[in-house]
Structure formats: C-alpha cells, structure tokens
Amino acid sequence: MHLSLRAAERVLAIRSANGLPVDTALRIARREPDSDDLTIGFVQEPPSSDQVHEAYGLRYCVESAITPALQDVTLDLGTEGSDTFFVLRTSDPTTNGEAP
C-alpha cells in the first residue's frame, strides 16, 4: 500500500491534534478476522507481523493478511462538498504511488 502526500498530511494533523507521540503509527487492518471491512487507527507499536512503511515523515503499517490485496492501492483523501474523507485508490505506477 502507498500513501499520498495529502493523506499523510491529514494523518499527521490528526495525530498532532490528539496529542499522540510523534512515533505513533497509522495502522490499516481488517475490522474483524475474515472481514472485508477495514479500519484505520493509530498504534504505538505495530504487531510484528504487519508490513511497516514510512512516507512523508509518517510511519504506517498494514495487517499482513491484507497486504497482497492493497499492493497497488494508495490511501488518499477524497472530498464531497465540505466533507473530507480517506479513500483507497488504485495506484498509478508512473506516479510512484502518489495519487493524482
């Protein structure tokens, strides 16, 4: 999984606004075992089986069971009206995982 600059900036702002330590990582995982629903949250220490990455000054980890499904996906920000939310987009290999 990749991370867009926009998503990283938002995550860093959320982490800071909540007073979390700078080494707190973002974690993407299944909501429950065998579920297709994903959850995004913060962890102080990722589980040892997670795939851990770093981009734009943010450490993020992905549950190993879903890593293959997210290999060509970028976590980005979407907007609708005044609402902003996280979205998963298919990555364009010509942009180094950076979403448009």
PDB file of N, CA and C in Angstrom:
ATOM      1  N   MET A   1       0.839  -1.178   0.000  1.00  0.00           N
ATOM      2  CA  MET A   1       0.000   0.000   0.000  1.00  0.00           C
ATOM      3  C   MET A   1       0.881   1.237   0.000  1.00  0.00           C
ATOM      4  N   HIS A   2       0.398   2.245  -0.673  1.00  0.00           N
ATOM      5  CA  HIS A   2       1.094   3.526  -0.738  1.00  0.00           C
ATOM      6  C   HIS A   2       0.277   4.567   0.019  1.00  0.00           C
ATOM      7  N   LEU A   3       0.875   5.712   0.211  1.00  0.00           N
ATOM      8  CA  LEU A   3       0.239   6.799   0.943  1.00  0.00           C
ATOM      9  C   LEU A   3       0.444   8.081   0.159  1.00  0.00           C
ATOM     10  N   SER A   4      -0.620   8.828  -0.094  1.00  0.00           N
ATOM     11  CA  SER A   4      -0.467  10.106  -0.793  1.00  0.00           C
ATOM     12  C   SER A   4       0.018  11.169   0.185  1.00  0.00           C
ATOM     13  N   LEU A   5       0.596  12.208  -0.346  1.00  0.00           N
ATOM     14  CA  LEU A   5       1.042  13.330   0.479  1.00  0.00           C
ATOM     15  C   LEU A   5      -0.147  13.937   1.216  1.00  0.00           C
ATOM     16  N   ARG A   6      -1.267  14.083   0.530  1.00  0.00           N
ATOM     17  CA  ARG A   6      -2.469  14.672   1.164  1.00  0.00           C
ATOM     18  C   ARG A   6      -2.934  13.839   2.350  1.00  0.00           C
ATOM     19  N   ALA A   7      -2.943  12.527   2.189  1.00  0.00           N
ATOM     20  CA  ALA A   7      -3.372  11.654   3.288  1.00  0.00           C
ATOM     21  C   ALA A   7      -2.386  11.730   4.445  1.00  0.00           C
ATOM     22  N   ALA A   8      -1.098  11.711   4.128  1.00  0.00           N
ATOM     23  CA  ALA A   8      -0.081  11.784   5.185  1.00  0.00           C
ATOM     24  C   ALA A   8      -0.206  13.085   5.968  1.00  0.00           C
ATOM     25  N   GLU A   9      -0.408  14.200   5.271  1.00  0.00           N
ATOM     26  CA  GLU A   9      -0.552  15.486   5.963  1.00  0.00           C
ATOM     27  C   GLU A   9      -1.767  15.478   6.878  1.00  0.00           C
ATOM     28  N   ARG A  10      -2.863  14.885   6.427  1.00  0.00           N
ATOM     29  CA  ARG A  10      -4.073  14.829   7.258  1.00  0.00           C
ATOM     30  C   ARG A  10      -3.843  13.940   8.475  1.00  0.00           C
ATOM     31  N   VAL A  11      -3.224  12.787   8.275  1.00  0.00           N
ATOM     32  CA  VAL A  11      -2.955  11.875   9.392  1.00  0.00           C
ATOM     33  C   VAL A  11      -2.036  12.546  10.411  1.00  0.00           C
ATOM     34  N   LEU A  12      -0.997  13.216   9.939  1.00  0.00           N
ATOM     35  CA  LEU A  12      -0.085  13.909  10.848  1.00  0.00           C
ATOM     36  C   LEU A  12      -0.817  14.996  11.637  1.00  0.00           C
ATOM     37  N   ALA A  13      -1.735  15.699  10.991  1.00  0.00           N
ATOM     38  CA  ALA A  13      -2.509  16.734  11.678  1.00  0.00           C
ATOM     39  C   ALA A  13      -3.432  16.120  12.729  1.00  0.00           C
ATOM     40  N   ILE A  14      -4.068  15.008  12.390  1.00  0.00           N
ATOM     41  CA  ILE A  14      -4.954  14.319  13.342  1.00  0.00           C
ATOM     42  C   ILE A  14      -4.157  13.812  14.530  1.00  0.00           C
ATOM     43  N   ARG A  15      -2.999  13.219  14.240  1.00  0.00           N
ATOM     44  CA  ARG A  15      -2.154  12.699  15.322  1.00  0.00           C
ATOM     45  C   ARG A  15      -1.740  13.830  16.263  1.00  0.00           C
ATOM     46  N   SER A  16      -1.326  14.948  15.693  1.00  0.00           N
ATOM     47  CA  SER A  16      -0.892  16.093  16.490  1.00  0.00           C
ATOM     48  C   SER A  16      -2.052  16.681  17.304  1.00  0.00           C
ATOM     49  N   ALA A  17      -3.209  16.835  16.661  1.00  0.00           N
ATOM     50  CA  ALA A  17      -4.376  17.414  17.337  1.00  0.00           C
ATOM     51  C   ALA A  17      -4.836  16.562  18.519  1.00  0.00           C
ATOM     52  N   ASN A  18      -4.557  15.268  18.462  1.00  0.00           N
ATOM     53  CA  ASN A  18      -4.944  14.366  19.544  1.00  0.00           C
ATOM     54  C   ASN A  18      -3.827  14.152  20.562  1.00  0.00           C
ATOM     55  N   GLY A  19      -2.712  14.869  20.397  1.00  0.00           N
ATOM     56  CA  GLY A  19      -1.627  14.793  21.366  1.00  0.00           C
ATOM     57  C   GLY A  19      -0.901  13.466  21.392  1.00  0.00           C
ATOM     58  N   LEU A  20      -0.937  12.729  20.269  1.00  0.00           N
ATOM     59  CA  LEU A  20      -0.250  11.441  20.217  1.00  0.00           C
ATOM     60  C   LEU A  20       1.241  11.638  19.970  1.00  0.00           C
ATOM     61  N   PRO A  21       2.079  10.768  20.511  1.00  0.00           N
ATOM     62  CA  PRO A  21       3.525  10.877  20.305  1.00  0.00           C
ATOM     63  C   PRO A  21       3.878  10.809  18.814  1.00  0.00           C
ATOM     64  N   VAL A  22       4.971  11.451  18.432  1.00  0.00           N
ATOM     65  CA  VAL A  22       5.368  11.511  17.025  1.00  0.00           C
ATOM     66  C   VAL A  22       5.752  10.152  16.455  1.00  0.00           C
ATOM     67  N   ASP A  23       6.035   9.175  17.296  1.00  0.00           N
ATOM     68  CA  ASP A  23       6.377   7.847  16.772  1.00  0.00           C
ATOM     69  C   ASP A  23       5.154   6.928  16.668  1.00  0.00           C
ATOM     70  N   THR A  24       3.952   7.468  16.932  1.00  0.00           N
ATOM     71  CA  THR A  24       2.726   6.694  16.784  1.00  0.00           C
ATOM     72  C   THR A  24       2.496   6.423  15.302  1.00  0.00           C
ATOM     73  N   ALA A  25       2.182   5.184  14.967  1.00  0.00           N
ATOM     74  CA  ALA A  25       1.998   4.789  13.568  1.00  0.00           C
ATOM     75  C   ALA A  25       0.513   4.698  13.213  1.00  0.00           C
ATOM     76  N   LEU A  26       0.223   4.916  11.948  1.00  0.00           N
ATOM     77  CA  LEU A  26      -1.106   4.674  11.413  1.00  0.00           C
ATOM     78  C   LEU A  26      -1.190   3.191  11.073  1.00  0.00           C
ATOM     79  N   ARG A  27      -2.319   2.546  11.376  1.00  0.00           N
ATOM     80  CA  ARG A  27      -2.463   1.127  11.067  1.00  0.00           C
ATOM     81  C   ARG A  27      -3.735   0.880  10.278  1.00  0.00           C
ATOM     82  N   ILE A  28      -3.602   0.125   9.189  1.00  0.00           N
ATOM     83  CA  ILE A  28      -4.727  -0.289   8.362  1.00  0.00           C
ATOM     84  C   ILE A  28      -4.868  -1.792   8.564  1.00  0.00           C
ATOM     85  N   ALA A  29      -6.065  -2.227   8.971  1.00  0.00           N
ATOM     86  CA  ALA A  29      -6.285  -3.637   9.283  1.00  0.00           C
ATOM     87  C   ALA A  29      -7.742  -3.993   9.022  1.00  0.00           C
ATOM     88  N   ARG A  30      -8.023  -5.292   9.060  1.00  0.00           N
ATOM     89  CA  ARG A  30      -9.412  -5.738   8.967  1.00  0.00           C
ATOM     90  C   ARG A  30     -10.119  -5.393  10.267  1.00  0.00           C
ATOM     91  N   ARG A  31     -11.372  -5.029  10.143  1.00  0.00           N
ATOM     92  CA  ARG A  31     -12.157  -4.706  11.343  1.00  0.00           C
ATOM     93  C   ARG A  31     -12.287  -5.934  12.234  1.00  0.00           C
ATOM     94  N   GLU A  32     -12.503  -7.094  11.615  1.00  0.00           N
ATOM     95  CA  GLU A  32     -12.575  -8.368  12.323  1.00  0.00           C
ATOM     96  C   GLU A  32     -11.931  -9.428  11.440  1.00  0.00           C
ATOM     97  N   PRO A  33     -11.426 -10.514  12.029  1.00  0.00           N
ATOM     98  CA  PRO A  33     -10.850 -11.580  11.203  1.00  0.00           C
ATOM     99  C   PRO A  33     -11.867 -12.052  10.153  1.00  0.00           C
ATOM    100  N   ASP A  34     -11.372 -12.329   8.968  1.00  0.00           N
ATOM    101  CA  ASP A  34     -12.198 -12.792   7.844  1.00  0.00           C
ATOM    102  C   ASP A  34     -13.211 -11.761   7.355  1.00  0.00           C
ATOM    103  N   SER A  35     -13.034 -10.517   7.723  1.00  0.00           N
ATOM    104  CA  SER A  35     -13.932  -9.448   7.295  1.00  0.00           C
ATOM    105  C   SER A  35     -13.326  -8.701   6.111  1.00  0.00           C
ATOM    106  N   ASP A  36     -14.176  -8.170   5.246  1.00  0.00           N
ATOM    107  CA  ASP A  36     -13.717  -7.309   4.160  1.00  0.00           C
ATOM    108  C   ASP A  36     -13.689  -5.845   4.583  1.00  0.00           C
ATOM    109  N   ASP A  37     -14.241  -5.540   5.740  1.00  0.00           N
ATOM    110  CA  ASP A  37     -14.266  -4.171   6.252  1.00  0.00           C
ATOM    111  C   ASP A  37     -12.909  -3.823   6.852  1.00  0.00           C
ATOM    112  N   LEU A  38     -12.420  -2.632   6.516  1.00  0.00           N
ATOM    113  CA  LEU A  38     -11.132  -2.184   7.038  1.00  0.00           C
ATOM    114  C   LEU A  38     -11.326  -1.116   8.092  1.00  0.00           C
ATOM    115  N   THR A  39     -10.351  -1.010   8.946  1.00  0.00           N
ATOM    116  CA  THR A  39     -10.327   0.037   9.954  1.00  0.00           C
ATOM    117  C   THR A  39      -8.971   0.744   9.884  1.00  0.00           C
ATOM    118  N   ILE A  40      -8.988   2.020  10.177  1.00  0.00           N
ATOM    119  CA  ILE A  40      -7.769   2.823  10.191  1.00  0.00           C
ATOM    120  C   ILE A  40      -7.676   3.444  11.576  1.00  0.00           C
ATOM    121  N   GLY A  41      -6.514   3.299  12.191  1.00  0.00           N
ATOM    122  CA  GLY A  41      -6.340   3.866  13.521  1.00  0.00           C
ATOM    123  C   GLY A  41      -4.867   4.041  13.834  1.00  0.00           C
ATOM    124  N   PHE A  42      -4.585   4.432  15.049  1.00  0.00           N
ATOM    125  CA  PHE A  42      -3.213   4.650  15.483  1.00  0.00           C
ATOM    126  C   PHE A  42      -2.777   3.554  16.439  1.00  0.00           C
ATOM    127  N   VAL A  43      -1.508   3.175  16.346  1.00  0.00           N
ATOM    128  CA  VAL A  43      -0.909   2.219  17.273  1.00  0.00           C
ATOM    129  C   VAL A  43       0.471   2.736  17.672  1.00  0.00           C
ATOM    130  N   GLN A  44       0.816   2.479  18.912  1.00  0.00           N
ATOM    131  CA  GLN A  44       2.149   2.864  19.370  1.00  0.00           C
ATOM    132  C   GLN A  44       3.194   1.918  18.791  1.00  0.00           C
ATOM    133  N   GLU A  45       2.872   0.632  18.804  1.00  0.00           N
ATOM    134  CA  GLU A  45       3.800  -0.383  18.287  1.00  0.00           C
ATOM    135  C   GLU A  45       3.031  -1.342  17.384  1.00  0.00           C
ATOM    136  N   PRO A  46       3.353  -1.364  16.087  1.00  0.00           N
ATOM    137  CA  PRO A  46       2.654  -2.279  15.176  1.00  0.00           C
ATOM    138  C   PRO A  46       2.935  -3.731  15.541  1.00  0.00           C
ATOM    139  N   PRO A  47       1.951  -4.607  15.319  1.00  0.00           N
ATOM    140  CA  PRO A  47       2.202  -6.035  15.516  1.00  0.00           C
ATOM    141  C   PRO A  47       3.384  -6.477  14.652  1.00  0.00           C
ATOM    142  N   SER A  48       4.151  -7.429  15.137  1.00  0.00           N
ATOM    143  CA  SER A  48       5.370  -7.851  14.431  1.00  0.00           C
ATOM    144  C   SER A  48       5.083  -8.433  13.054  1.00  0.00           C
ATOM    145  N   SER A  49       3.866  -8.906  12.816  1.00  0.00           N
ATOM    146  CA  SER A  49       3.541  -9.489  11.512  1.00  0.00           C
ATOM    147  C   SER A  49       3.117  -8.444  10.480  1.00  0.00           C
ATOM    148  N   ASP A  50       2.863  -7.213  10.893  1.00  0.00           N
ATOM    149  CA  ASP A  50       2.454  -6.159   9.953  1.00  0.00           C
ATOM    150  C   ASP A  50       3.594  -5.761   9.018  1.00  0.00           C
ATOM    151  N   GLN A  51       3.211  -5.297   7.844  1.00  0.00           N
ATOM    152  CA  GLN A  51       4.161  -4.687   6.921  1.00  0.00           C
ATOM    153  C   GLN A  51       4.265  -3.221   7.326  1.00  0.00           C
ATOM    154  N   VAL A  52       5.465  -2.747   7.638  1.00  0.00           N
ATOM    155  CA  VAL A  52       5.652  -1.380   8.115  1.00  0.00           C
ATOM    156  C   VAL A  52       6.355  -0.563   7.035  1.00  0.00           C
ATOM    157  N   HIS A  53       5.839   0.638   6.793  1.00  0.00           N
ATOM    158  CA  HIS A  53       6.372   1.541   5.779  1.00  0.00           C
ATOM    159  C   HIS A  53       6.529   2.926   6.389  1.00  0.00           C
ATOM    160  N   GLU A  54       7.205   3.793   5.664  1.00  0.00           N
ATOM    161  CA  GLU A  54       7.303   5.186   6.075  1.00  0.00           C
ATOM    162  C   GLU A  54       7.235   6.054   4.834  1.00  0.00           C
ATOM    163  N   ALA A  55       6.458   7.129   4.930  1.00  0.00           N
ATOM    164  CA  ALA A  55       6.339   8.082   3.830  1.00  0.00           C
ATOM    165  C   ALA A  55       5.983   9.445   4.398  1.00  0.00           C
ATOM    166  N   TYR A  56       6.614  10.466   3.901  1.00  0.00           N
ATOM    167  CA  TYR A  56       6.315  11.850   4.276  1.00  0.00           C
ATOM    168  C   TYR A  56       6.403  12.070   5.782  1.00  0.00           C
ATOM    169  N   GLY A  57       7.329  11.381   6.434  1.00  0.00           N
ATOM    170  CA  GLY A  57       7.518  11.549   7.865  1.00  0.00           C
ATOM    171  C   GLY A  57       6.511  10.796   8.721  1.00  0.00           C
ATOM    172  N   LEU A  58       5.755   9.896   8.110  1.00  0.00           N
ATOM    173  CA  LEU A  58       4.751   9.135   8.840  1.00  0.00           C
ATOM    174  C   LEU A  58       5.043   7.647   8.704  1.00  0.00           C
ATOM    175  N   ARG A  59       5.069   6.971   9.830  1.00  0.00           N
ATOM    176  CA  ARG A  59       5.191   5.513   9.814  1.00  0.00           C
ATOM    177  C   ARG A  59       3.780   4.953   9.746  1.00  0.00           C
ATOM    178  N   TYR A  60       3.568   4.005   8.824  1.00  0.00           N
ATOM    179  CA  TYR A  60       2.263   3.368   8.719  1.00  0.00           C
ATOM    180  C   TYR A  60       2.440   1.886   8.507  1.00  0.00           C
ATOM    181  N   CYS A  61       1.474   1.114   8.956  1.00  0.00           N
ATOM    182  CA  CYS A  61       1.574  -0.336   8.866  1.00  0.00           C
ATOM    183  C   CYS A  61       0.266  -0.916   8.352  1.00  0.00           C
ATOM    184  N   VAL A  62       0.421  -2.064   7.697  1.00  0.00           N
ATOM    185  CA  VAL A  62      -0.714  -2.750   7.093  1.00  0.00           C
ATOM    186  C   VAL A  62      -0.717  -4.184   7.602  1.00  0.00           C
ATOM    187  N   GLU A  63      -1.868  -4.636   8.064  1.00  0.00           N
ATOM    188  CA  GLU A  63      -2.001  -6.017   8.521  1.00  0.00           C
ATOM    189  C   GLU A  63      -1.544  -6.960   7.406  1.00  0.00           C
ATOM    190  N   SER A  64      -0.704  -7.915   7.752  1.00  0.00           N
ATOM    191  CA  SER A  64      -0.100  -8.792   6.742  1.00  0.00           C
ATOM    192  C   SER A  64      -1.133  -9.555   5.923  1.00  0.00           C
ATOM    193  N   ALA A  65      -2.264  -9.925   6.506  1.00  0.00           N
ATOM    194  CA  ALA A  65      -3.277 -10.696   5.785  1.00  0.00           C
ATOM    195  C   ALA A  65      -3.903  -9.919   4.629  1.00  0.00           C
ATOM    196  N   ILE A  66      -3.881  -8.584   4.697  1.00  0.00           N
ATOM    197  CA  ILE A  66      -4.482  -7.790   3.620  1.00  0.00           C
ATOM    198  C   ILE A  66      -3.451  -7.106   2.728  1.00  0.00           C
ATOM    199  N   THR A  67      -2.177  -7.287   3.045  1.00  0.00           N
ATOM    200  CA  THR A  67      -1.116  -6.651   2.256  1.00  0.00           C
ATOM    201  C   THR A  67      -1.209  -6.991   0.767  1.00  0.00           C
ATOM    202  N   PRO A  68      -1.403  -8.260   0.376  1.00  0.00           N
ATOM    203  CA  PRO A  68      -1.475  -8.552  -1.059  1.00  0.00           C
ATOM    204  C   PRO A  68      -2.621  -7.813  -1.766  1.00  0.00           C
ATOM    205  N   ALA A  69      -3.753  -7.681  -1.122  1.00  0.00           N
ATOM    206  CA  ALA A  69      -4.899  -7.007  -1.734  1.00  0.00           C
ATOM    207  C   ALA A  69      -4.685  -5.508  -1.875  1.00  0.00           C
ATOM    208  N   LEU A  70      -3.804  -4.944  -1.060  1.00  0.00           N
ATOM    209  CA  LEU A  70      -3.566  -3.500  -1.086  1.00  0.00           C
ATOM    210  C   LEU A  70      -2.247  -3.132  -1.762  1.00  0.00           C
ATOM    211  N   GLN A  71      -1.625  -4.073  -2.418  1.00  0.00           N
ATOM    212  CA  GLN A  71      -0.309  -3.846  -3.014  1.00  0.00           C
ATOM    213  C   GLN A  71      -0.289  -2.668  -3.987  1.00  0.00           C
ATOM    214  N   ASP A  72      -1.309  -2.530  -4.817  1.00  0.00           N
ATOM    215  CA  ASP A  72      -1.355  -1.461  -5.812  1.00  0.00           C
ATOM    216  C   ASP A  72      -2.403  -0.412  -5.474  1.00  0.00           C
ATOM    217  N   VAL A  73      -2.541  -0.140  -4.183  1.00  0.00           N
ATOM    218  CA  VAL A  73      -3.548   0.805  -3.712  1.00  0.00           C
ATOM    219  C   VAL A  73      -2.864   1.939  -2.956  1.00  0.00           C
ATOM    220  N   THR A  74      -3.432   3.135  -3.097  1.00  0.00           N
ATOM    221  CA  THR A  74      -2.932   4.313  -2.386  1.00  0.00           C
ATOM    222  C   THR A  74      -4.010   4.837  -1.451  1.00  0.00           C
ATOM    223  N   LEU A  75      -3.643   5.091  -0.206  1.00  0.00           N
ATOM    224  CA  LEU A  75      -4.540   5.764   0.725  1.00  0.00           C
ATOM    225  C   LEU A  75      -4.451   7.249   0.414  1.00  0.00           C
ATOM    226  N   ASP A  76      -5.586   7.857   0.092  1.00  0.00           N
ATOM    227  CA  ASP A  76      -5.619   9.255  -0.324  1.00  0.00           C
ATOM    228  C   ASP A  76      -6.780   9.947   0.383  1.00  0.00           C
ATOM    229  N   LEU A  77      -6.972  11.211   0.076  1.00  0.00           N
ATOM    230  CA  LEU A  77      -8.109  11.955   0.593  1.00  0.00           C
ATOM    231  C   LEU A  77      -9.099  12.184  -0.533  1.00  0.00           C
ATOM    232  N   GLY A  78     -10.360  12.079  -0.221  1.00  0.00           N
ATOM    233  CA  GLY A  78     -11.426  12.429  -1.143  1.00  0.00           C
ATOM    234  C   GLY A  78     -12.237  13.553  -0.531  1.00  0.00           C
ATOM    235  N   THR A  79     -12.959  14.263  -1.367  1.00  0.00           N
ATOM    236  CA  THR A  79     -13.813  15.339  -0.879  1.00  0.00           C
ATOM    237  C   THR A  79     -15.172  15.266  -1.552  1.00  0.00           C
ATOM    238  N   GLU A  80     -16.170  15.658  -0.816  1.00  0.00           N
ATOM    239  CA  GLU A  80     -17.518  15.789  -1.340  1.00  0.00           C
ATOM    240  C   GLU A  80     -18.138  16.969  -0.619  1.00  0.00           C
ATOM    241  N   GLY A  81     -18.336  18.038  -1.351  1.00  0.00           N
ATOM    242  CA  GLY A  81     -18.799  19.266  -0.712  1.00  0.00           C
ATOM    243  C   GLY A  81     -17.737  19.743   0.264  1.00  0.00           C
ATOM    244  N   SER A  82     -18.127  19.946   1.511  1.00  0.00           N
ATOM    245  CA  SER A  82     -17.164  20.391   2.525  1.00  0.00           C
ATOM    246  C   SER A  82     -16.598  19.230   3.332  1.00  0.00           C
ATOM    247  N   ASP A  83     -17.007  18.000   3.002  1.00  0.00           N
ATOM    248  CA  ASP A  83     -16.526  16.819   3.718  1.00  0.00           C
ATOM    249  C   ASP A  83     -15.235  16.290   3.104  1.00  0.00           C
ATOM    250  N   THR A  84     -14.309  15.901   3.945  1.00  0.00           N
ATOM    251  CA  THR A  84     -13.068  15.270   3.519  1.00  0.00           C
ATOM    252  C   THR A  84     -12.981  13.922   4.204  1.00  0.00           C
ATOM    253  N   PHE A  85     -12.558  12.896   3.455  1.00  0.00           N
ATOM    254  CA  PHE A  85     -12.515  11.542   3.993  1.00  0.00           C
ATOM    255  C   PHE A  85     -11.385  10.766   3.325  1.00  0.00           C
ATOM    256  N   PHE A  86     -10.982   9.675   3.960  1.00  0.00           N
ATOM    257  CA  PHE A  86      -9.946   8.814   3.398  1.00  0.00           C
ATOM    258  C   PHE A  86     -10.571   7.886   2.364  1.00  0.00           C
ATOM    259  N   VAL A  87      -9.842   7.672   1.273  1.00  0.00           N
ATOM    260  CA  VAL A  87     -10.278   6.755   0.221  1.00  0.00           C
ATOM    261  C   VAL A  87      -9.098   5.889  -0.198  1.00  0.00           C
ATOM    262  N   LEU A  88      -9.410   4.724  -0.731  1.00  0.00           N
ATOM    263  CA  LEU A  88      -8.388   3.861  -1.317  1.00  0.00           C
ATOM    264  C   LEU A  88      -8.516   3.967  -2.824  1.00  0.00           C
ATOM    265  N   ARG A  89      -7.411   4.279  -3.502  1.00  0.00           N
ATOM    266  CA  ARG A  89      -7.404   4.418  -4.953  1.00  0.00           C
ATOM    267  C   ARG A  89      -6.403   3.442  -5.541  1.00  0.00           C
ATOM    268  N   THR A  90      -6.716   2.952  -6.731  1.00  0.00           N
ATOM    269  CA  THR A  90      -5.755   2.134  -7.444  1.00  0.00           C
ATOM    270  C   THR A  90      -4.565   3.013  -7.794  1.00  0.00           C
ATOM    271  N   SER A  91      -3.356   2.552  -7.480  1.00  0.00           N
ATOM    272  CA  SER A  91      -2.142   3.337  -7.711  1.00  0.00           C
ATOM    273  C   SER A  91      -1.763   3.353  -9.176  1.00  0.00           C
ATOM    274  N   ASP A  92      -1.226   4.457  -9.604  1.00  0.00           N
ATOM    275  CA  ASP A  92      -0.670   4.598 -10.944  1.00  0.00           C
ATOM    276  C   ASP A  92       0.835   4.420 -10.815  1.00  0.00           C
ATOM    277  N   PRO A  93       1.410   3.348 -11.389  1.00  0.00           N
ATOM    278  CA  PRO A  93       2.828   3.092 -11.204  1.00  0.00           C
ATOM    279  C   PRO A  93       3.733   4.207 -11.742  1.00  0.00           C
ATOM    280  N   THR A  94       3.208   5.067 -12.591  1.00  0.00           N
ATOM    281  CA  THR A  94       4.033   6.156 -13.124  1.00  0.00           C
ATOM    282  C   THR A  94       4.182   7.307 -12.149  1.00  0.00           C
ATOM    283  N   THR A  95       3.414   7.276 -11.050  1.00  0.00           N
ATOM    284  CA  THR A  95       3.491   8.363 -10.079  1.00  0.00           C
ATOM    285  C   THR A  95       4.122   7.941  -8.759  1.00  0.00           C
ATOM    286  N   ASN A  96       4.773   6.773  -8.748  1.00  0.00           N
ATOM    287  CA  ASN A  96       5.429   6.299  -7.535  1.00  0.00           C
ATOM    288  C   ASN A  96       4.474   6.138  -6.369  1.00  0.00           C
ATOM    289  N   GLY A  97       3.235   5.730  -6.666  1.00  0.00           N
ATOM    290  CA  GLY A  97       2.263   5.537  -5.597  1.00  0.00           C
ATOM    291  C   GLY A  97       1.570   6.796  -5.168  1.00  0.00           C
ATOM    292  N   GLU A  98       1.970   7.944  -5.690  1.00  0.00           N
ATOM    293  CA  GLU A  98       1.344   9.203  -5.334  1.00  0.00           C
ATOM    294  C   GLU A  98       0.056   9.332  -6.138  1.00  0.00           C
ATOM    295  N   ALA A  99      -1.058   9.484  -5.462  1.00  0.00           N
ATOM    296  CA  ALA A  99      -2.341   9.637  -6.148  1.00  0.00           C
ATOM    297  C   ALA A  99      -2.419  11.016  -6.776  1.00  0.00           C
ATOM    298  N   PRO A 100      -3.179  11.142  -7.857  1.00  0.00           N
ATOM    299  CA  PRO A 100      -3.306  12.445  -8.530  1.00  0.00           C
ATOM    300  C   PRO A 100      -3.995  13.464  -7.658  1.00  0.00           C
TER     301      PRO A 100
END
